[in-house]
N, C-alpha and C. Protein backbone atom coordinates (compact mmCIF):
# COMPACT_ATOMS: atom_id res chain seq x y z
N UNK A 1 45.62 85.36 152.59
CA UNK A 1 45.98 85.13 153.98
C UNK A 1 45.04 84.07 154.54
N UNK A 2 45.61 82.96 154.98
CA UNK A 2 44.82 81.81 155.43
C UNK A 2 44.81 81.74 156.96
N UNK A 3 43.63 81.74 157.52
CA UNK A 3 43.46 81.72 158.98
C UNK A 3 43.78 80.34 159.56
N UNK A 4 43.84 80.31 160.87
CA UNK A 4 44.13 79.07 161.58
C UNK A 4 42.88 78.28 161.94
N UNK A 5 43.11 77.13 162.54
CA UNK A 5 42.04 76.20 162.93
C UNK A 5 41.13 76.82 163.96
N UNK A 6 39.85 76.89 163.65
CA UNK A 6 38.87 77.44 164.59
C UNK A 6 38.62 78.93 164.42
N UNK A 7 39.43 79.60 163.63
CA UNK A 7 39.21 81.02 163.34
C UNK A 7 38.39 81.11 162.05
N UNK A 8 38.33 82.30 161.49
CA UNK A 8 37.69 82.47 160.19
C UNK A 8 38.38 83.61 159.45
N UNK A 9 37.89 83.96 158.29
CA UNK A 9 38.54 84.95 157.43
C UNK A 9 38.74 86.29 158.13
N UNK A 10 37.87 86.64 159.06
CA UNK A 10 37.98 87.93 159.76
C UNK A 10 39.23 88.00 160.63
N UNK A 11 39.74 86.86 161.05
CA UNK A 11 40.88 86.82 161.96
C UNK A 11 42.10 87.52 161.36
N UNK A 12 42.54 87.12 160.20
CA UNK A 12 43.72 87.74 159.59
C UNK A 12 43.40 89.04 158.87
N UNK A 13 42.14 89.27 158.58
CA UNK A 13 41.76 90.53 157.94
C UNK A 13 42.14 91.71 158.84
N UNK A 14 42.16 91.48 160.14
CA UNK A 14 42.53 92.55 161.07
C UNK A 14 44.01 92.94 160.97
N UNK A 15 44.83 92.08 160.39
CA UNK A 15 46.25 92.36 160.23
C UNK A 15 46.49 93.28 159.03
N UNK A 16 45.61 93.23 158.05
CA UNK A 16 45.81 93.96 156.79
C UNK A 16 46.05 95.45 157.00
N UNK A 17 45.21 96.18 157.75
CA UNK A 17 45.46 97.63 157.89
C UNK A 17 46.80 97.93 158.59
N UNK A 18 47.20 97.07 159.49
CA UNK A 18 48.44 97.29 160.24
C UNK A 18 49.67 97.12 159.34
N UNK A 19 49.55 96.30 158.30
CA UNK A 19 50.66 96.13 157.36
C UNK A 19 50.95 97.41 156.58
N UNK A 20 49.95 98.28 156.47
CA UNK A 20 50.10 99.57 155.80
C UNK A 20 50.67 99.41 154.38
N UNK A 21 49.97 98.62 153.60
CA UNK A 21 50.34 98.40 152.20
C UNK A 21 49.12 98.73 151.33
N UNK A 22 48.76 100.01 151.21
CA UNK A 22 47.53 100.38 150.51
C UNK A 22 47.50 100.03 149.03
N UNK A 23 48.66 99.83 148.41
CA UNK A 23 48.69 99.50 146.99
C UNK A 23 48.62 98.00 146.72
N UNK A 24 48.46 97.22 147.78
CA UNK A 24 48.40 95.76 147.66
C UNK A 24 46.97 95.30 147.92
N UNK A 25 46.59 94.22 147.26
CA UNK A 25 45.27 93.63 147.49
C UNK A 25 45.44 92.41 148.39
N UNK A 26 44.63 92.33 149.43
CA UNK A 26 44.67 91.20 150.35
C UNK A 26 43.33 90.48 150.29
N UNK A 27 43.38 89.16 150.24
CA UNK A 27 42.17 88.35 150.23
C UNK A 27 42.29 87.33 151.36
N UNK A 28 41.27 87.27 152.18
CA UNK A 28 41.27 86.36 153.33
C UNK A 28 40.08 85.41 153.21
N UNK A 29 40.28 84.23 152.64
CA UNK A 29 39.17 83.29 152.46
C UNK A 29 38.87 82.50 153.73
N UNK A 30 37.68 81.98 153.80
CA UNK A 30 37.32 81.04 154.85
C UNK A 30 37.75 79.64 154.44
N UNK A 31 38.21 78.86 155.40
CA UNK A 31 38.49 77.45 155.15
C UNK A 31 37.17 76.76 154.79
N UNK A 32 37.24 75.62 154.10
CA UNK A 32 36.01 75.00 153.59
C UNK A 32 35.17 74.24 154.62
N UNK A 33 35.74 73.90 155.78
CA UNK A 33 35.00 73.06 156.72
C UNK A 33 34.64 73.80 158.00
N UNK A 34 33.52 73.42 158.58
CA UNK A 34 33.14 73.97 159.87
C UNK A 34 34.01 73.35 160.96
N UNK A 35 34.34 74.16 161.95
CA UNK A 35 35.12 73.65 163.07
C UNK A 35 34.21 72.76 163.91
N UNK A 36 34.74 71.64 164.43
CA UNK A 36 33.88 70.70 165.16
C UNK A 36 33.30 71.24 166.47
N UNK A 37 33.90 72.29 167.06
CA UNK A 37 33.41 72.76 168.35
C UNK A 37 33.12 74.26 168.42
N UNK A 38 33.44 75.00 167.37
CA UNK A 38 33.21 76.46 167.40
C UNK A 38 32.25 76.82 166.29
N UNK A 39 31.13 77.39 166.64
CA UNK A 39 30.07 77.65 165.66
C UNK A 39 30.50 78.61 164.55
N UNK A 40 31.33 79.59 164.85
CA UNK A 40 31.77 80.52 163.81
C UNK A 40 33.15 80.15 163.27
N UNK A 41 33.75 79.11 163.81
CA UNK A 41 35.09 78.71 163.39
C UNK A 41 35.09 77.84 162.15
N UNK A 42 36.18 77.91 161.42
CA UNK A 42 36.35 77.11 160.22
C UNK A 42 37.63 76.30 160.34
N UNK A 43 37.78 75.32 159.47
CA UNK A 43 38.96 74.45 159.50
C UNK A 43 39.36 74.08 158.09
N UNK A 44 40.66 73.96 157.88
CA UNK A 44 41.17 73.49 156.59
C UNK A 44 41.10 71.97 156.53
N UNK A 45 41.15 71.34 157.71
CA UNK A 45 40.97 69.89 157.86
C UNK A 45 40.83 69.62 159.34
N UNK A 46 40.48 68.39 159.70
CA UNK A 46 40.22 68.04 161.09
C UNK A 46 41.53 67.70 161.81
N UNK A 47 41.96 68.59 162.67
CA UNK A 47 43.20 68.38 163.44
C UNK A 47 43.03 67.33 164.53
N UNK A 48 41.79 67.00 164.85
CA UNK A 48 41.56 66.03 165.92
C UNK A 48 41.70 64.59 165.45
N UNK A 49 41.90 64.42 164.16
CA UNK A 49 42.07 63.08 163.61
C UNK A 49 43.49 62.94 163.07
N UNK A 50 44.09 61.80 163.32
CA UNK A 50 45.46 61.57 162.86
C UNK A 50 45.58 61.56 161.35
N UNK A 51 44.49 61.24 160.66
CA UNK A 51 44.55 61.20 159.20
C UNK A 51 44.27 62.56 158.56
N UNK A 52 44.10 63.62 159.41
CA UNK A 52 43.83 64.97 158.91
C UNK A 52 42.67 64.95 157.92
N UNK A 53 41.57 64.35 158.31
CA UNK A 53 40.40 64.23 157.43
C UNK A 53 40.04 65.59 156.82
N UNK A 54 39.93 65.60 155.50
CA UNK A 54 39.60 66.81 154.77
C UNK A 54 40.80 67.48 154.11
N UNK A 55 42.01 67.06 154.47
CA UNK A 55 43.21 67.71 153.92
C UNK A 55 43.27 67.60 152.40
N UNK A 56 43.03 66.43 151.85
CA UNK A 56 43.13 66.25 150.40
C UNK A 56 42.13 67.15 149.69
N UNK A 57 40.90 67.17 150.18
CA UNK A 57 39.86 68.01 149.57
C UNK A 57 40.21 69.49 149.71
N UNK A 58 40.63 69.89 150.89
CA UNK A 58 40.99 71.28 151.14
C UNK A 58 42.16 71.71 150.27
N UNK A 59 43.13 70.84 150.12
CA UNK A 59 44.30 71.11 149.27
C UNK A 59 43.84 71.42 147.84
N UNK A 60 42.91 70.62 147.32
CA UNK A 60 42.43 70.82 145.96
C UNK A 60 41.61 72.10 145.83
N UNK A 61 40.76 72.36 146.82
CA UNK A 61 39.95 73.59 146.81
C UNK A 61 40.85 74.82 146.83
N UNK A 62 41.86 74.81 147.68
CA UNK A 62 42.77 75.95 147.79
C UNK A 62 43.58 76.12 146.50
N UNK A 63 44.08 75.03 145.95
CA UNK A 63 44.84 75.09 144.70
C UNK A 63 43.99 75.67 143.58
N UNK A 64 42.78 75.17 143.42
CA UNK A 64 41.88 75.66 142.37
C UNK A 64 41.57 77.15 142.57
N UNK A 65 41.33 77.54 143.82
CA UNK A 65 41.01 78.94 144.13
C UNK A 65 42.20 79.83 143.78
N UNK A 66 43.40 79.43 144.17
CA UNK A 66 44.58 80.23 143.87
C UNK A 66 44.80 80.36 142.36
N UNK A 67 44.60 79.27 141.64
CA UNK A 67 44.77 79.31 140.19
C UNK A 67 43.73 80.21 139.52
N UNK A 68 42.58 80.39 140.16
CA UNK A 68 41.52 81.23 139.59
C UNK A 68 41.71 82.72 139.90
N UNK A 69 42.60 83.04 140.82
CA UNK A 69 42.74 84.43 141.25
C UNK A 69 43.14 85.39 140.14
N UNK A 70 44.03 84.96 139.26
CA UNK A 70 44.48 85.88 138.21
C UNK A 70 43.31 86.37 137.37
N UNK A 71 42.36 85.49 137.09
CA UNK A 71 41.22 85.91 136.26
C UNK A 71 40.30 86.88 137.01
N UNK A 72 40.28 86.83 138.33
CA UNK A 72 39.41 87.74 139.09
C UNK A 72 40.13 88.98 139.59
N UNK A 73 41.44 88.89 139.82
CA UNK A 73 42.18 90.04 140.36
C UNK A 73 43.10 90.70 139.34
N UNK A 74 43.47 89.96 138.29
CA UNK A 74 44.42 90.47 137.33
C UNK A 74 45.87 90.32 137.79
N UNK A 75 46.06 89.70 138.97
CA UNK A 75 47.41 89.51 139.52
C UNK A 75 47.83 88.07 139.27
N UNK A 76 48.95 87.87 138.54
CA UNK A 76 49.40 86.50 138.29
C UNK A 76 49.95 85.85 139.56
N UNK A 77 49.97 84.53 139.56
CA UNK A 77 50.53 83.81 140.71
C UNK A 77 51.97 84.24 140.97
N UNK A 78 52.71 84.57 139.94
CA UNK A 78 54.11 84.95 140.09
C UNK A 78 54.29 86.26 140.86
N UNK A 79 53.18 86.96 141.11
CA UNK A 79 53.22 88.19 141.92
C UNK A 79 52.31 88.07 143.14
N UNK A 80 51.94 86.85 143.48
CA UNK A 80 51.04 86.58 144.60
C UNK A 80 51.83 85.96 145.75
N UNK A 81 51.61 86.46 146.95
CA UNK A 81 52.23 85.90 148.14
C UNK A 81 51.13 85.23 148.95
N UNK A 82 51.37 83.99 149.32
CA UNK A 82 50.42 83.25 150.14
C UNK A 82 50.93 83.27 151.57
N UNK A 83 50.06 83.64 152.48
CA UNK A 83 50.41 83.78 153.89
C UNK A 83 49.40 83.00 154.72
N UNK A 84 49.86 82.39 155.80
CA UNK A 84 48.94 81.68 156.67
C UNK A 84 49.41 81.68 158.11
N UNK A 85 48.45 81.52 158.99
CA UNK A 85 48.70 81.45 160.43
C UNK A 85 48.29 80.07 160.94
N UNK A 86 49.16 79.39 161.66
CA UNK A 86 48.90 78.11 162.30
C UNK A 86 48.50 77.06 161.26
N UNK A 87 47.28 76.53 161.31
CA UNK A 87 46.86 75.55 160.31
C UNK A 87 46.87 76.18 158.91
N UNK A 88 46.55 77.45 158.81
CA UNK A 88 46.62 78.16 157.54
C UNK A 88 48.06 78.25 157.03
N UNK A 89 49.02 78.32 157.94
CA UNK A 89 50.43 78.32 157.55
C UNK A 89 50.84 76.95 157.02
N UNK A 90 50.33 75.90 157.63
CA UNK A 90 50.60 74.55 157.12
C UNK A 90 50.04 74.40 155.71
N UNK A 91 48.85 74.93 155.48
CA UNK A 91 48.26 74.89 154.13
C UNK A 91 49.06 75.77 153.17
N UNK A 92 49.57 76.89 153.65
CA UNK A 92 50.39 77.77 152.82
C UNK A 92 51.61 77.02 152.31
N UNK A 93 52.31 76.33 153.20
CA UNK A 93 53.49 75.58 152.78
C UNK A 93 53.10 74.40 151.89
N UNK A 94 52.05 73.71 152.25
CA UNK A 94 51.62 72.52 151.52
C UNK A 94 51.29 72.86 150.06
N UNK A 95 50.38 73.78 149.87
CA UNK A 95 49.92 74.15 148.53
C UNK A 95 50.91 75.10 147.85
N UNK A 96 51.48 76.01 148.63
CA UNK A 96 52.39 77.00 148.07
C UNK A 96 53.62 76.42 147.42
N UNK A 97 54.06 75.27 147.88
CA UNK A 97 55.24 74.64 147.29
C UNK A 97 54.93 73.98 145.95
N UNK A 98 53.68 73.91 145.58
CA UNK A 98 53.30 73.26 144.32
C UNK A 98 52.93 74.26 143.23
N UNK A 99 52.94 75.55 143.56
CA UNK A 99 52.53 76.59 142.60
C UNK A 99 53.64 77.62 142.42
N UNK A 100 53.67 78.28 141.28
CA UNK A 100 54.71 79.30 141.03
C UNK A 100 54.37 80.65 141.67
N UNK A 101 54.31 80.66 142.98
CA UNK A 101 53.96 81.88 143.72
C UNK A 101 55.18 82.75 143.94
N UNK A 102 54.95 84.03 144.23
CA UNK A 102 56.05 84.97 144.49
C UNK A 102 56.71 84.70 145.83
N UNK A 103 55.92 84.30 146.83
CA UNK A 103 56.47 84.08 148.16
C UNK A 103 55.46 83.39 149.06
N UNK A 104 55.98 82.86 150.18
CA UNK A 104 55.15 82.18 151.18
C UNK A 104 55.51 82.72 152.56
N UNK A 105 54.49 82.96 153.38
CA UNK A 105 54.71 83.41 154.75
C UNK A 105 54.02 82.43 155.69
N UNK A 106 54.80 81.84 156.58
CA UNK A 106 54.32 80.85 157.55
C UNK A 106 54.41 81.45 158.94
N UNK A 107 53.27 81.76 159.54
CA UNK A 107 53.21 82.37 160.87
C UNK A 107 52.71 81.34 161.88
N UNK A 108 53.54 81.03 162.87
CA UNK A 108 53.16 80.08 163.93
C UNK A 108 52.63 78.78 163.34
N UNK A 109 53.29 78.28 162.32
CA UNK A 109 52.80 77.10 161.61
C UNK A 109 53.71 75.90 161.69
N UNK A 110 53.45 74.99 160.79
CA UNK A 110 54.17 73.72 160.74
C UNK A 110 54.10 73.20 159.32
N UNK A 111 54.86 72.17 159.07
CA UNK A 111 54.93 71.57 157.74
C UNK A 111 54.28 70.19 157.79
N UNK A 112 53.40 69.92 156.83
CA UNK A 112 52.83 68.58 156.74
C UNK A 112 53.94 67.59 156.41
N UNK A 113 53.77 66.33 156.76
CA UNK A 113 54.79 65.33 156.42
C UNK A 113 54.98 65.21 154.90
N UNK A 114 56.19 64.93 154.50
CA UNK A 114 56.54 64.67 153.09
C UNK A 114 56.13 65.77 152.13
N UNK A 115 56.65 66.98 152.29
CA UNK A 115 56.31 68.05 151.34
C UNK A 115 56.72 67.67 149.93
N UNK A 116 55.93 68.11 148.97
CA UNK A 116 56.16 67.75 147.57
C UNK A 116 56.31 69.00 146.71
N UNK A 117 57.46 69.68 146.76
CA UNK A 117 57.62 70.85 145.91
C UNK A 117 57.53 70.47 144.43
N UNK A 118 56.94 71.38 143.66
CA UNK A 118 56.78 71.13 142.23
C UNK A 118 58.03 71.58 141.49
N UNK A 119 58.67 70.67 140.81
CA UNK A 119 59.81 71.00 139.96
C UNK A 119 60.90 71.78 140.66
N UNK A 120 61.46 72.74 139.94
CA UNK A 120 62.55 73.55 140.46
C UNK A 120 62.00 74.84 141.05
N UNK A 121 61.25 74.72 142.11
CA UNK A 121 60.64 75.88 142.75
C UNK A 121 61.71 76.62 143.56
N UNK A 122 61.68 77.94 143.52
CA UNK A 122 62.64 78.72 144.30
C UNK A 122 61.92 79.86 145.02
N UNK A 123 60.69 79.61 145.39
CA UNK A 123 59.86 80.59 146.06
C UNK A 123 60.46 80.97 147.41
N UNK A 124 60.68 82.27 147.67
CA UNK A 124 61.17 82.68 148.98
C UNK A 124 60.12 82.41 150.06
N UNK A 125 60.60 81.97 151.21
CA UNK A 125 59.71 81.59 152.31
C UNK A 125 60.13 82.31 153.57
N UNK A 126 59.16 82.92 154.25
CA UNK A 126 59.39 83.53 155.56
C UNK A 126 58.67 82.69 156.61
N UNK A 127 59.41 82.23 157.60
CA UNK A 127 58.83 81.48 158.71
C UNK A 127 59.03 82.31 159.99
N UNK A 128 57.94 82.59 160.68
CA UNK A 128 57.97 83.36 161.92
C UNK A 128 57.29 82.51 163.00
N UNK A 129 57.95 82.39 164.15
CA UNK A 129 57.37 81.56 165.22
C UNK A 129 57.72 82.12 166.59
N UNK A 130 56.86 81.83 167.55
CA UNK A 130 57.07 82.27 168.92
C UNK A 130 57.77 81.22 169.77
N UNK A 131 58.72 81.68 170.57
CA UNK A 131 59.44 80.75 171.47
C UNK A 131 58.53 80.22 172.58
N UNK A 132 57.44 80.92 172.86
CA UNK A 132 56.50 80.48 173.89
C UNK A 132 55.15 80.03 173.29
N UNK A 133 55.18 79.54 172.07
CA UNK A 133 53.95 79.10 171.41
C UNK A 133 53.44 77.84 172.10
N UNK A 134 52.25 77.90 172.65
CA UNK A 134 51.64 76.78 173.37
C UNK A 134 50.79 75.88 172.47
N UNK A 135 50.51 76.34 171.25
CA UNK A 135 49.68 75.57 170.33
C UNK A 135 50.52 74.76 169.34
N UNK A 136 51.48 75.42 168.72
CA UNK A 136 52.36 74.77 167.76
C UNK A 136 53.78 74.91 168.32
N UNK A 137 54.37 73.81 168.76
CA UNK A 137 55.69 73.89 169.40
C UNK A 137 56.74 74.51 168.48
N UNK A 138 57.66 75.23 169.09
CA UNK A 138 58.76 75.86 168.35
C UNK A 138 59.49 74.84 167.49
N UNK A 139 59.63 73.63 167.99
CA UNK A 139 60.35 72.59 167.25
C UNK A 139 59.71 72.33 165.88
N UNK A 140 58.38 72.50 165.77
CA UNK A 140 57.70 72.29 164.49
C UNK A 140 58.18 73.32 163.46
N UNK A 141 58.37 74.55 163.89
CA UNK A 141 58.86 75.60 162.98
C UNK A 141 60.31 75.32 162.60
N UNK A 142 61.10 74.90 163.56
CA UNK A 142 62.51 74.60 163.29
C UNK A 142 62.63 73.41 162.33
N UNK A 143 61.77 72.42 162.51
CA UNK A 143 61.78 71.27 161.59
C UNK A 143 61.35 71.69 160.19
N UNK A 144 60.35 72.56 160.10
CA UNK A 144 59.91 73.07 158.79
C UNK A 144 61.07 73.81 158.13
N UNK A 145 61.72 74.69 158.88
CA UNK A 145 62.88 75.42 158.34
C UNK A 145 63.94 74.46 157.82
N UNK A 146 64.32 73.49 158.64
CA UNK A 146 65.39 72.56 158.28
C UNK A 146 65.02 71.72 157.05
N UNK A 147 63.77 71.28 157.00
CA UNK A 147 63.31 70.48 155.85
C UNK A 147 63.33 71.29 154.57
N UNK A 148 62.85 72.53 154.65
CA UNK A 148 62.79 73.39 153.45
C UNK A 148 64.19 73.78 152.99
N UNK A 149 65.09 74.03 153.93
CA UNK A 149 66.48 74.34 153.56
C UNK A 149 67.12 73.12 152.91
N UNK A 150 66.83 71.92 153.44
CA UNK A 150 67.37 70.69 152.84
C UNK A 150 66.85 70.50 151.41
N UNK A 151 65.67 71.04 151.13
CA UNK A 151 65.11 70.98 149.77
C UNK A 151 65.66 72.12 148.90
N UNK A 152 66.61 72.85 149.46
CA UNK A 152 67.30 73.95 148.75
C UNK A 152 66.38 75.13 148.43
N UNK A 153 65.42 75.38 149.33
CA UNK A 153 64.52 76.51 149.16
C UNK A 153 65.04 77.70 149.96
N UNK A 154 64.84 78.93 149.46
CA UNK A 154 65.31 80.11 150.19
C UNK A 154 64.40 80.43 151.37
N UNK A 155 64.89 80.19 152.57
CA UNK A 155 64.09 80.36 153.79
C UNK A 155 64.67 81.47 154.65
N UNK A 156 63.79 82.38 155.06
CA UNK A 156 64.14 83.38 156.06
C UNK A 156 63.38 82.95 157.33
N UNK A 157 64.09 82.82 158.44
CA UNK A 157 63.49 82.28 159.66
C UNK A 157 63.68 83.26 160.80
N UNK A 158 62.62 83.49 161.57
CA UNK A 158 62.72 84.41 162.70
C UNK A 158 61.87 83.92 163.87
N UNK A 159 62.48 83.85 165.03
CA UNK A 159 61.77 83.54 166.27
C UNK A 159 61.60 84.83 167.07
N UNK A 160 60.49 84.92 167.79
CA UNK A 160 60.24 86.05 168.68
C UNK A 160 59.83 85.52 170.05
N UNK A 161 59.98 86.36 171.07
CA UNK A 161 59.48 86.03 172.40
C UNK A 161 57.99 86.32 172.41
N UNK A 162 57.24 85.37 171.88
CA UNK A 162 55.77 85.50 171.80
C UNK A 162 55.17 84.11 171.86
N UNK A 163 53.87 84.08 172.05
CA UNK A 163 53.14 82.82 172.05
C UNK A 163 52.59 82.54 170.65
N UNK A 164 51.38 82.03 170.62
CA UNK A 164 50.70 81.70 169.36
C UNK A 164 49.96 82.96 168.91
N UNK A 165 50.72 83.88 168.33
CA UNK A 165 50.18 85.20 168.02
C UNK A 165 51.07 85.88 166.99
N UNK A 166 50.68 87.10 166.62
CA UNK A 166 51.47 87.90 165.70
C UNK A 166 51.77 89.22 166.41
N UNK A 167 53.01 89.43 166.77
CA UNK A 167 53.42 90.64 167.49
C UNK A 167 53.82 91.73 166.49
N UNK A 168 53.88 92.99 166.94
CA UNK A 168 54.24 94.09 166.04
C UNK A 168 55.55 93.87 165.28
N UNK A 169 56.56 93.32 165.92
CA UNK A 169 57.84 93.08 165.21
C UNK A 169 57.64 92.11 164.05
N UNK A 170 56.76 91.14 164.20
CA UNK A 170 56.48 90.19 163.12
C UNK A 170 55.76 90.90 161.97
N UNK A 171 54.90 91.85 162.29
CA UNK A 171 54.20 92.63 161.26
C UNK A 171 55.22 93.42 160.43
N UNK A 172 56.18 94.03 161.11
CA UNK A 172 57.22 94.80 160.41
C UNK A 172 58.01 93.88 159.48
N UNK A 173 58.37 92.70 159.97
CA UNK A 173 59.12 91.73 159.16
C UNK A 173 58.28 91.26 157.96
N UNK A 174 57.01 90.97 158.20
CA UNK A 174 56.11 90.56 157.11
C UNK A 174 56.04 91.64 156.04
N UNK A 175 55.84 92.88 156.47
CA UNK A 175 55.73 93.99 155.52
C UNK A 175 56.99 94.09 154.67
N UNK A 176 58.13 94.02 155.31
CA UNK A 176 59.40 94.09 154.60
C UNK A 176 59.54 92.94 153.60
N UNK A 177 59.18 91.73 154.02
CA UNK A 177 59.24 90.55 153.15
C UNK A 177 58.32 90.72 151.94
N UNK A 178 57.11 91.19 152.17
CA UNK A 178 56.14 91.38 151.09
C UNK A 178 56.66 92.40 150.08
N UNK A 179 57.09 93.55 150.57
CA UNK A 179 57.58 94.60 149.67
C UNK A 179 58.79 94.13 148.88
N UNK A 180 59.75 93.52 149.56
CA UNK A 180 60.96 93.04 148.88
C UNK A 180 60.65 91.94 147.87
N UNK A 181 59.80 91.01 148.26
CA UNK A 181 59.46 89.89 147.37
C UNK A 181 58.76 90.36 146.11
N UNK A 182 57.79 91.23 146.27
CA UNK A 182 57.04 91.71 145.11
C UNK A 182 57.94 92.58 144.22
N UNK A 183 58.81 93.38 144.83
CA UNK A 183 59.69 94.22 144.01
C UNK A 183 60.68 93.37 143.21
N UNK A 184 61.00 92.17 143.70
CA UNK A 184 61.90 91.27 142.98
C UNK A 184 61.20 90.53 141.83
N UNK A 185 59.87 90.64 141.74
CA UNK A 185 59.13 89.94 140.69
C UNK A 185 58.83 90.86 139.51
N UNK A 186 59.22 92.08 139.56
CA UNK A 186 58.92 93.03 138.46
C UNK A 186 59.66 92.68 137.22
């Protein structure tokens, strides 16, 4: 579970108990860069720069980390779901489309320009967004959905009357997606 810009690993860790999936392992890493204005905040790359400084490095760090998980957890990528919120959701889609993961969850996120899916990827994707999101406009989620569908990827899309947050209904949908996705990988 990848946190958003300015948050840290503790942010999404609070969602784990609410998902009520005791037989699943959740890992919430910190992004590699310090946030430019928040002392405890982290960033996957610098959102204040048009060139997204740090994105290439962060992409490689995240890819390498994900590839190393099987040796530390015993769980193959084919049974791993990558989830992210906001900037973490953008990283989820960016890196997740290049690896043979079980599923991707994009919460209040967006898609980087020119996504590059690896080969014939058919990873199921859940996109959840708020109609009143003040940080990442709803149109960004709709564009991500449309782009991924055009790439012939299986996308489940859901909007809620919420802002830049995760509401209980989204937790229920996430839980259902996780359980269904993992049960389809057996």
